[in-house]
């Protein structure tokens, strides 16, 4: 993670910063054995085509692994976050937290007291 003296915006990797891919990775981060295509589609509220396109981008970046297999004679696509993907996504989340903290510093004092706790409540990152 960049220190406060560095530019945290540089660490906001585009592969993670797109809202649909952010949703996909957020869904995968806590599931060690991954999710099926159908589960991701439902969780992220994406169409088949949109999900496929985003998964291809993430796979090309080495962030996810796509496994195709048969379960009860039916094809199943399972998406798993790679170790590199997990590490890079956590770095991205830390950088995003720094960016949001810097933005919160710009609030007027009264706005800080009212809004900052709400913003920070969602930013408490746990060690994964």
N, C-alpha and C. Protein backbone atom coordinates (compact mmCIF):
# COMPACT_ATOMS: atom_id res chain seq x y z
N UNK A 1 0.85 -1.18 0.00
CA UNK A 1 0.00 0.00 0.00
C UNK A 1 0.88 1.22 0.00
N UNK A 2 0.52 2.26 -0.75
CA UNK A 2 1.32 3.46 -0.73
C UNK A 2 1.23 4.13 0.62
N UNK A 3 2.33 4.76 1.03
CA UNK A 3 2.28 5.53 2.27
C UNK A 3 1.50 6.81 2.01
N UNK A 4 1.18 7.52 3.08
CA UNK A 4 0.39 8.73 2.92
C UNK A 4 1.11 9.78 2.08
N UNK A 5 2.44 9.70 2.00
CA UNK A 5 3.19 10.67 1.21
C UNK A 5 3.16 10.33 -0.28
N UNK A 6 2.84 9.08 -0.61
CA UNK A 6 2.77 8.67 -2.00
C UNK A 6 1.38 8.95 -2.56
N UNK A 7 1.26 8.82 -3.86
CA UNK A 7 -0.02 9.03 -4.53
C UNK A 7 -0.83 7.74 -4.49
N UNK A 8 -1.87 7.68 -3.64
CA UNK A 8 -2.65 6.44 -3.54
C UNK A 8 -3.45 6.14 -4.80
N UNK A 9 -3.70 7.15 -5.62
CA UNK A 9 -4.49 6.95 -6.83
C UNK A 9 -3.77 6.04 -7.82
N UNK A 10 -2.45 6.04 -7.78
CA UNK A 10 -1.67 5.20 -8.69
C UNK A 10 -1.90 3.72 -8.41
N UNK A 11 -2.29 3.39 -7.19
CA UNK A 11 -2.51 1.98 -6.82
C UNK A 11 -3.92 1.50 -7.14
N UNK A 12 -4.77 2.38 -7.64
CA UNK A 12 -6.14 1.99 -8.00
C UNK A 12 -6.11 1.34 -9.38
N UNK A 13 -5.88 0.06 -9.39
CA UNK A 13 -5.73 -0.68 -10.64
C UNK A 13 -7.06 -0.75 -11.38
N UNK A 14 -7.00 -0.42 -12.64
CA UNK A 14 -8.21 -0.37 -13.47
C UNK A 14 -8.93 -1.72 -13.54
N UNK A 15 -8.18 -2.80 -13.51
CA UNK A 15 -8.81 -4.12 -13.60
C UNK A 15 -9.77 -4.35 -12.43
N UNK A 16 -9.51 -3.72 -11.28
CA UNK A 16 -10.38 -3.86 -10.12
C UNK A 16 -11.40 -2.73 -10.00
N UNK A 17 -11.11 -1.60 -10.59
CA UNK A 17 -11.87 -0.38 -10.31
C UNK A 17 -13.20 -0.30 -11.05
N UNK A 18 -13.42 -1.13 -12.02
CA UNK A 18 -14.69 -1.15 -12.75
C UNK A 18 -15.74 -1.74 -11.81
N UNK A 19 -16.91 -1.11 -11.67
CA UNK A 19 -17.90 -1.55 -10.67
C UNK A 19 -18.30 -3.02 -10.74
N UNK A 20 -18.49 -3.57 -11.92
CA UNK A 20 -18.89 -4.98 -12.02
C UNK A 20 -17.78 -5.90 -11.56
N UNK A 21 -16.53 -5.58 -11.93
CA UNK A 21 -15.41 -6.42 -11.50
C UNK A 21 -15.17 -6.27 -10.00
N UNK A 22 -15.40 -5.09 -9.48
CA UNK A 22 -15.30 -4.88 -8.03
C UNK A 22 -16.33 -5.76 -7.32
N UNK A 23 -17.53 -5.85 -7.86
CA UNK A 23 -18.58 -6.70 -7.28
C UNK A 23 -18.19 -8.18 -7.37
N UNK A 24 -17.66 -8.59 -8.50
CA UNK A 24 -17.25 -9.98 -8.69
C UNK A 24 -16.18 -10.36 -7.67
N UNK A 25 -15.16 -9.53 -7.55
CA UNK A 25 -14.06 -9.84 -6.63
C UNK A 25 -14.51 -9.77 -5.18
N UNK A 26 -15.39 -8.86 -4.88
CA UNK A 26 -15.92 -8.77 -3.51
C UNK A 26 -16.70 -10.03 -3.16
N UNK A 27 -17.40 -10.59 -4.13
CA UNK A 27 -18.13 -11.84 -3.89
C UNK A 27 -17.18 -13.02 -3.73
N UNK A 28 -16.07 -13.01 -4.46
CA UNK A 28 -15.14 -14.14 -4.43
C UNK A 28 -14.17 -14.11 -3.26
N UNK A 29 -13.87 -12.95 -2.72
CA UNK A 29 -12.79 -12.81 -1.74
C UNK A 29 -12.99 -13.69 -0.51
N UNK A 30 -14.21 -13.90 -0.10
CA UNK A 30 -14.45 -14.68 1.11
C UNK A 30 -14.80 -16.13 0.88
N UNK A 31 -14.69 -16.59 -0.37
CA UNK A 31 -15.10 -17.96 -0.70
C UNK A 31 -13.90 -18.71 -1.27
N UNK A 32 -13.28 -19.53 -0.44
CA UNK A 32 -12.03 -20.19 -0.82
C UNK A 32 -12.17 -21.08 -2.05
N UNK A 33 -13.27 -21.81 -2.15
CA UNK A 33 -13.43 -22.73 -3.28
C UNK A 33 -14.18 -22.10 -4.45
N UNK A 34 -14.36 -20.79 -4.42
CA UNK A 34 -14.95 -20.06 -5.53
C UNK A 34 -16.46 -20.16 -5.59
N UNK A 35 -17.01 -19.58 -6.63
CA UNK A 35 -18.45 -19.57 -6.88
C UNK A 35 -18.72 -20.03 -8.30
N UNK A 36 -19.90 -20.56 -8.52
CA UNK A 36 -20.27 -20.95 -9.88
C UNK A 36 -20.64 -19.69 -10.67
N UNK A 37 -20.64 -19.85 -11.97
CA UNK A 37 -21.04 -18.76 -12.86
C UNK A 37 -22.44 -18.27 -12.47
N UNK A 38 -23.35 -19.21 -12.23
CA UNK A 38 -24.73 -18.84 -11.87
C UNK A 38 -24.79 -18.08 -10.56
N UNK A 39 -24.00 -18.50 -9.57
CA UNK A 39 -23.97 -17.80 -8.29
C UNK A 39 -23.46 -16.38 -8.46
N UNK A 40 -22.38 -16.22 -9.24
CA UNK A 40 -21.83 -14.88 -9.48
C UNK A 40 -22.81 -14.01 -10.25
N UNK A 41 -23.45 -14.60 -11.23
CA UNK A 41 -24.43 -13.86 -12.03
C UNK A 41 -25.52 -13.30 -11.12
N UNK A 42 -26.02 -14.13 -10.22
CA UNK A 42 -27.08 -13.69 -9.31
C UNK A 42 -26.55 -12.69 -8.29
N UNK A 43 -25.39 -12.99 -7.70
CA UNK A 43 -24.81 -12.13 -6.66
C UNK A 43 -24.51 -10.73 -7.19
N UNK A 44 -24.01 -10.66 -8.42
CA UNK A 44 -23.58 -9.38 -9.00
C UNK A 44 -24.63 -8.74 -9.90
N UNK A 45 -25.74 -9.43 -10.12
CA UNK A 45 -26.83 -8.92 -10.94
C UNK A 45 -26.34 -8.54 -12.34
N UNK A 46 -25.67 -9.49 -12.99
CA UNK A 46 -25.13 -9.27 -14.33
C UNK A 46 -25.75 -10.26 -15.31
N UNK A 47 -25.76 -9.87 -16.58
CA UNK A 47 -26.21 -10.79 -17.62
C UNK A 47 -25.10 -11.79 -17.91
N UNK A 48 -25.44 -12.87 -18.61
CA UNK A 48 -24.43 -13.86 -18.99
C UNK A 48 -23.29 -13.20 -19.75
N UNK A 49 -23.64 -12.37 -20.73
CA UNK A 49 -22.64 -11.73 -21.57
C UNK A 49 -21.73 -10.79 -20.80
N UNK A 50 -22.32 -9.97 -19.95
CA UNK A 50 -21.51 -9.03 -19.16
C UNK A 50 -20.59 -9.78 -18.20
N UNK A 51 -21.13 -10.78 -17.52
CA UNK A 51 -20.31 -11.54 -16.59
C UNK A 51 -19.17 -12.24 -17.33
N UNK A 52 -19.46 -12.85 -18.47
CA UNK A 52 -18.42 -13.52 -19.26
C UNK A 52 -17.31 -12.56 -19.65
N UNK A 53 -17.69 -11.38 -20.10
CA UNK A 53 -16.70 -10.38 -20.52
C UNK A 53 -15.80 -9.98 -19.36
N UNK A 54 -16.40 -9.72 -18.20
CA UNK A 54 -15.60 -9.30 -17.04
C UNK A 54 -14.73 -10.45 -16.52
N UNK A 55 -15.25 -11.67 -16.56
CA UNK A 55 -14.44 -12.81 -16.13
C UNK A 55 -13.25 -13.01 -17.06
N UNK A 56 -13.44 -12.81 -18.35
CA UNK A 56 -12.34 -12.92 -19.31
C UNK A 56 -11.24 -11.91 -18.99
N UNK A 57 -11.64 -10.67 -18.69
CA UNK A 57 -10.67 -9.63 -18.34
C UNK A 57 -9.90 -10.02 -17.08
N UNK A 58 -10.61 -10.50 -16.07
CA UNK A 58 -9.96 -10.89 -14.82
C UNK A 58 -9.07 -12.12 -15.00
N UNK A 59 -9.51 -13.05 -15.83
CA UNK A 59 -8.70 -14.24 -16.10
C UNK A 59 -7.43 -13.86 -16.85
N UNK A 60 -7.54 -12.99 -17.85
CA UNK A 60 -6.38 -12.54 -18.61
C UNK A 60 -5.35 -11.84 -17.72
N UNK A 61 -5.83 -11.19 -16.66
CA UNK A 61 -4.95 -10.49 -15.72
C UNK A 61 -4.38 -11.43 -14.66
N UNK A 62 -4.79 -12.70 -14.68
CA UNK A 62 -4.29 -13.67 -13.71
C UNK A 62 -4.93 -13.54 -12.33
N UNK A 63 -6.05 -12.84 -12.26
CA UNK A 63 -6.72 -12.57 -10.99
C UNK A 63 -7.61 -13.74 -10.58
N UNK A 64 -8.22 -14.38 -11.57
CA UNK A 64 -9.12 -15.50 -11.29
C UNK A 64 -8.72 -16.70 -12.14
N UNK A 65 -9.20 -17.85 -11.72
CA UNK A 65 -9.06 -19.08 -12.49
C UNK A 65 -10.48 -19.56 -12.79
N UNK A 66 -10.72 -19.96 -14.02
CA UNK A 66 -12.03 -20.48 -14.41
C UNK A 66 -11.89 -21.98 -14.64
N UNK A 67 -12.69 -22.74 -13.90
CA UNK A 67 -12.69 -24.20 -14.02
C UNK A 67 -14.01 -24.65 -14.61
N UNK A 68 -13.93 -25.50 -15.61
CA UNK A 68 -15.14 -26.06 -16.22
C UNK A 68 -15.15 -27.55 -15.94
N UNK A 69 -16.29 -28.03 -15.46
CA UNK A 69 -16.43 -29.45 -15.13
C UNK A 69 -17.89 -29.85 -15.23
N UNK A 70 -18.12 -31.14 -15.04
CA UNK A 70 -19.49 -31.65 -15.04
C UNK A 70 -19.87 -32.03 -13.62
N UNK A 71 -21.06 -31.62 -13.21
CA UNK A 71 -21.62 -31.98 -11.92
C UNK A 71 -22.99 -32.57 -12.19
N UNK A 72 -23.17 -33.83 -11.83
CA UNK A 72 -24.42 -34.56 -12.10
C UNK A 72 -24.77 -34.48 -13.59
N UNK A 73 -23.79 -34.71 -14.42
CA UNK A 73 -23.94 -34.72 -15.87
C UNK A 73 -24.33 -33.37 -16.47
N UNK A 74 -24.15 -32.30 -15.72
CA UNK A 74 -24.43 -30.96 -16.24
C UNK A 74 -23.14 -30.14 -16.18
N UNK A 75 -22.88 -29.33 -17.23
CA UNK A 75 -21.68 -28.51 -17.21
C UNK A 75 -21.78 -27.43 -16.12
N UNK A 76 -20.65 -27.20 -15.47
CA UNK A 76 -20.60 -26.16 -14.44
C UNK A 76 -19.31 -25.38 -14.59
N UNK A 77 -19.43 -24.06 -14.55
CA UNK A 77 -18.26 -23.18 -14.57
C UNK A 77 -18.08 -22.63 -13.17
N UNK A 78 -16.89 -22.84 -12.61
CA UNK A 78 -16.58 -22.35 -11.27
C UNK A 78 -15.46 -21.31 -11.40
N UNK A 79 -15.60 -20.22 -10.67
CA UNK A 79 -14.64 -19.12 -10.71
C UNK A 79 -13.96 -19.04 -9.35
N UNK A 80 -12.63 -19.06 -9.37
CA UNK A 80 -11.84 -19.05 -8.13
C UNK A 80 -10.84 -17.90 -8.18
N UNK A 81 -10.73 -17.19 -7.09
CA UNK A 81 -9.75 -16.11 -6.97
C UNK A 81 -8.37 -16.73 -6.79
N UNK A 82 -7.40 -16.33 -7.61
CA UNK A 82 -6.04 -16.85 -7.46
C UNK A 82 -5.37 -16.18 -6.26
N UNK A 83 -4.28 -16.77 -5.80
CA UNK A 83 -3.54 -16.17 -4.67
C UNK A 83 -3.04 -14.78 -5.06
N UNK A 84 -2.50 -14.66 -6.28
CA UNK A 84 -2.05 -13.36 -6.75
C UNK A 84 -3.22 -12.38 -6.81
N UNK A 85 -4.36 -12.86 -7.30
CA UNK A 85 -5.55 -12.01 -7.37
C UNK A 85 -5.99 -11.54 -6.00
N UNK A 86 -5.95 -12.44 -5.02
CA UNK A 86 -6.32 -12.10 -3.64
C UNK A 86 -5.39 -11.01 -3.09
N UNK A 87 -4.08 -11.22 -3.27
CA UNK A 87 -3.10 -10.25 -2.77
C UNK A 87 -3.27 -8.89 -3.44
N UNK A 88 -3.41 -8.90 -4.76
CA UNK A 88 -3.56 -7.64 -5.49
C UNK A 88 -4.87 -6.93 -5.16
N UNK A 89 -5.94 -7.70 -4.97
CA UNK A 89 -7.22 -7.09 -4.63
C UNK A 89 -7.17 -6.47 -3.24
N UNK A 90 -6.52 -7.14 -2.29
CA UNK A 90 -6.38 -6.56 -0.95
C UNK A 90 -5.55 -5.28 -0.98
N UNK A 91 -4.49 -5.26 -1.81
CA UNK A 91 -3.70 -4.03 -1.98
C UNK A 91 -4.58 -2.93 -2.56
N UNK A 92 -5.39 -3.28 -3.54
CA UNK A 92 -6.30 -2.31 -4.14
C UNK A 92 -7.26 -1.75 -3.09
N UNK A 93 -7.84 -2.63 -2.25
CA UNK A 93 -8.79 -2.18 -1.23
C UNK A 93 -8.12 -1.25 -0.23
N UNK A 94 -6.87 -1.54 0.12
CA UNK A 94 -6.14 -0.65 1.04
C UNK A 94 -5.90 0.70 0.39
N UNK A 95 -5.54 0.70 -0.89
CA UNK A 95 -5.33 1.97 -1.60
C UNK A 95 -6.64 2.74 -1.70
N UNK A 96 -7.73 2.04 -1.98
CA UNK A 96 -9.04 2.69 -2.06
C UNK A 96 -9.42 3.29 -0.72
N UNK A 97 -9.12 2.58 0.35
CA UNK A 97 -9.38 3.10 1.69
C UNK A 97 -8.62 4.40 1.92
N UNK A 98 -7.36 4.44 1.50
CA UNK A 98 -6.55 5.66 1.65
C UNK A 98 -7.14 6.81 0.84
N UNK A 99 -7.57 6.53 -0.38
CA UNK A 99 -8.19 7.56 -1.21
C UNK A 99 -9.45 8.10 -0.54
N UNK A 100 -10.28 7.20 -0.02
CA UNK A 100 -11.52 7.63 0.64
C UNK A 100 -11.25 8.40 1.92
N UNK A 101 -10.22 8.01 2.65
CA UNK A 101 -9.86 8.75 3.85
C UNK A 101 -9.40 10.16 3.49
N UNK A 102 -8.62 10.28 2.42
CA UNK A 102 -8.19 11.61 1.97
C UNK A 102 -9.39 12.45 1.55
N UNK A 103 -10.33 11.83 0.87
CA UNK A 103 -11.54 12.57 0.46
C UNK A 103 -12.32 13.01 1.69
N UNK A 104 -12.39 12.15 2.69
CA UNK A 104 -13.13 12.48 3.91
C UNK A 104 -12.50 13.65 4.64
N UNK A 105 -11.18 13.79 4.52
CA UNK A 105 -10.49 14.90 5.16
C UNK A 105 -10.94 16.24 4.58
N UNK A 106 -11.50 16.22 3.39
CA UNK A 106 -11.96 17.44 2.75
C UNK A 106 -13.32 17.92 3.23
N UNK A 107 -14.03 17.09 3.97
CA UNK A 107 -15.33 17.52 4.50
C UNK A 107 -15.15 18.66 5.49
N UNK A 108 -16.12 19.53 5.55
CA UNK A 108 -16.14 20.53 6.60
C UNK A 108 -16.25 19.79 7.93
N UNK A 109 -15.85 20.43 9.02
CA UNK A 109 -15.82 19.79 10.34
C UNK A 109 -17.17 19.16 10.68
N UNK A 110 -18.25 19.87 10.47
CA UNK A 110 -19.57 19.35 10.82
C UNK A 110 -19.91 18.13 9.96
N UNK A 111 -19.61 18.22 8.66
CA UNK A 111 -19.88 17.09 7.78
C UNK A 111 -19.07 15.87 8.20
N UNK A 112 -17.82 16.10 8.63
CA UNK A 112 -16.99 14.99 9.09
C UNK A 112 -17.65 14.27 10.24
N UNK A 113 -18.11 15.03 11.21
CA UNK A 113 -18.72 14.42 12.38
C UNK A 113 -19.96 13.62 12.02
N UNK A 114 -20.71 14.08 11.02
CA UNK A 114 -21.94 13.40 10.63
C UNK A 114 -21.69 12.23 9.68
N UNK A 115 -20.83 12.44 8.69
CA UNK A 115 -20.70 11.47 7.60
C UNK A 115 -19.50 10.55 7.70
N UNK A 116 -18.41 11.01 8.27
CA UNK A 116 -17.20 10.20 8.30
C UNK A 116 -17.41 8.85 8.99
N UNK A 117 -18.09 8.78 10.13
CA UNK A 117 -18.29 7.46 10.74
C UNK A 117 -19.04 6.50 9.81
N UNK A 118 -19.98 7.02 9.03
CA UNK A 118 -20.72 6.16 8.10
C UNK A 118 -19.81 5.64 6.99
N UNK A 119 -18.95 6.51 6.50
CA UNK A 119 -18.01 6.12 5.44
C UNK A 119 -17.03 5.08 5.97
N UNK A 120 -16.46 5.37 7.12
CA UNK A 120 -15.43 4.49 7.67
C UNK A 120 -15.99 3.16 8.15
N UNK A 121 -17.25 3.15 8.51
CA UNK A 121 -17.88 1.91 8.96
C UNK A 121 -17.78 0.83 7.88
N UNK A 122 -17.91 1.23 6.65
CA UNK A 122 -17.82 0.28 5.54
C UNK A 122 -16.41 -0.04 5.11
N UNK A 123 -15.43 0.65 5.68
CA UNK A 123 -14.05 0.48 5.24
C UNK A 123 -13.20 -0.38 6.16
N UNK A 124 -13.75 -0.89 7.21
CA UNK A 124 -12.96 -1.68 8.16
C UNK A 124 -12.55 -2.99 7.49
N UNK A 125 -11.33 -3.03 7.03
CA UNK A 125 -10.82 -4.21 6.34
C UNK A 125 -10.28 -5.20 7.35
N UNK A 126 -10.65 -6.43 7.19
CA UNK A 126 -10.14 -7.49 8.06
C UNK A 126 -9.03 -8.20 7.32
N UNK A 127 -8.10 -8.74 8.08
CA UNK A 127 -7.06 -9.55 7.46
C UNK A 127 -7.71 -10.82 6.92
N UNK A 128 -7.49 -11.06 5.67
CA UNK A 128 -8.09 -12.25 5.04
C UNK A 128 -6.99 -13.25 4.77
